[in-house]
Amino acid sequence: MDAPRIKAWQCVGCGRIDGAAPCVGVCRDQAVELVAGRHYDEALARIDSLEAALRRIARTQPRAGQWEASFAVMQRLASEALGMAKPE
């Protein structure tokens, strides 16, 4: 996901944020990038989903002779976490 970013200036001292231009000399500013809260929340939800899939993969030990079935399940879980169509 590529969230749109907003270029802004943030004072390292007081934390004030300006979007239009840097301060006229009262503060020392540094460039920062901001994203909308909903994009941040979407990214956190996706991270949670991917971490859950990875945890399941990391903790799964297939039974003897069952690695192919386990792999197919892990592929499905990973595809769902990535929002992809079911692998053929």
Protein backbone atom coordinates (compact mmCIF):
# COMPACT_ATOMS: atom_id res chain seq x y z
CA MET A 1 0.00 0.00 0.00
CA ASP A 2 1.33 3.41 -0.90
CA ALA A 3 -0.15 5.99 1.46
CA PRO A 4 -0.03 9.59 0.26
CA ARG A 5 2.47 11.65 2.23
CA ILE A 6 2.26 15.28 3.22
CA LYS A 7 5.47 17.30 3.28
CA ALA A 8 5.69 19.51 6.36
CA TRP A 9 8.13 21.18 8.70
CA GLN A 10 8.34 20.33 12.40
CA CYS A 11 10.18 22.33 15.02
CA VAL A 12 12.68 20.17 16.91
CA GLY A 13 12.17 22.31 20.00
CA CYS A 14 8.44 22.86 20.46
CA GLY A 15 7.01 20.31 18.01
CA ARG A 16 5.00 22.88 16.05
CA ILE A 17 4.11 21.66 12.55
CA ASP A 18 3.81 23.92 9.50
CA GLY A 19 2.72 22.66 6.13
CA ALA A 20 3.20 25.66 3.88
CA ALA A 21 6.80 26.76 4.48
CA PRO A 22 9.54 26.70 7.07
CA CYS A 23 9.50 29.13 9.96
CA VAL A 24 10.82 32.65 9.38
CA GLY A 25 13.62 32.19 11.88
CA VAL A 26 12.07 31.84 15.33
CA CYS A 27 12.48 28.06 15.46
CA ARG A 28 14.88 25.53 13.97
CA ASP A 29 12.81 23.31 11.67
CA GLN A 30 13.38 19.92 10.17
CA ALA A 31 11.52 18.30 7.29
CA VAL A 32 9.04 15.55 8.25
CA GLU A 33 6.54 13.41 6.33
CA LEU A 34 3.02 12.87 7.62
CA VAL A 35 0.38 10.32 6.64
CA ALA A 36 -3.33 10.31 7.32
CA GLY A 37 -4.36 8.38 10.41
CA ARG A 38 -6.52 5.95 8.44
CA HIS A 39 -3.55 4.98 6.26
CA TYR A 40 -1.49 4.40 9.39
CA ASP A 41 -4.28 2.27 10.89
CA GLU A 42 -4.57 0.26 7.66
CA ALA A 43 -0.83 -0.38 7.70
CA LEU A 44 -0.95 -1.55 11.34
CA ALA A 45 -3.84 -3.90 10.56
CA ARG A 46 -1.91 -5.35 7.63
CA ILE A 47 1.19 -5.80 9.79
CA ASP A 48 -0.92 -7.63 12.40
CA SER A 49 -2.34 -9.93 9.72
CA LEU A 50 1.08 -10.69 8.24
CA GLU A 51 2.61 -11.29 11.68
CA ALA A 52 -0.20 -13.71 12.55
CA ALA A 53 0.46 -15.66 9.34
CA LEU A 54 4.19 -15.71 10.00
CA ARG A 55 3.67 -16.86 13.61
CA ARG A 56 1.56 -19.74 12.38
CA ILE A 57 4.16 -20.72 9.77
CA ALA A 58 6.98 -20.47 12.31
CA ARG A 59 5.16 -22.62 14.90
CA THR A 60 3.83 -25.31 12.56
CA GLN A 61 5.55 -28.69 12.41
CA PRO A 62 4.00 -30.93 9.74
CA ARG A 63 3.33 -34.53 10.64
CA ALA A 64 5.43 -37.15 8.92
CA GLY A 65 4.40 -37.40 5.29
CA GLN A 66 2.07 -34.40 5.55
CA TRP A 67 4.37 -31.55 4.54
CA GLU A 68 2.59 -31.02 1.19
CA ALA A 69 -0.80 -30.58 2.85
CA SER A 70 0.74 -28.27 5.48
CA PHE A 71 2.47 -26.24 2.78
CA ALA A 72 -0.81 -25.82 0.90
CA VAL A 73 -2.49 -24.50 4.07
CA MET A 74 0.42 -22.12 4.73
CA GLN A 75 0.22 -20.86 1.12
CA ARG A 76 -3.49 -20.16 1.56
CA LEU A 77 -2.89 -18.31 4.85
CA ALA A 78 -0.09 -16.24 3.35
CA SER A 79 -2.18 -15.42 0.28
CA GLU A 80 -5.08 -14.31 2.47
CA ALA A 81 -2.77 -12.15 4.59
CA LEU A 82 -1.39 -10.54 1.44
CA GLY A 83 -4.87 -10.06 -0.02
CA MET A 84 -4.03 -12.25 -2.99
CA ALA A 85 -6.21 -14.71 -4.83
CA LYS A 86 -5.96 -18.36 -3.82
CA PRO A 87 -2.90 -19.99 -5.45
CA GLU A 88 -3.61 -22.61 -8.12
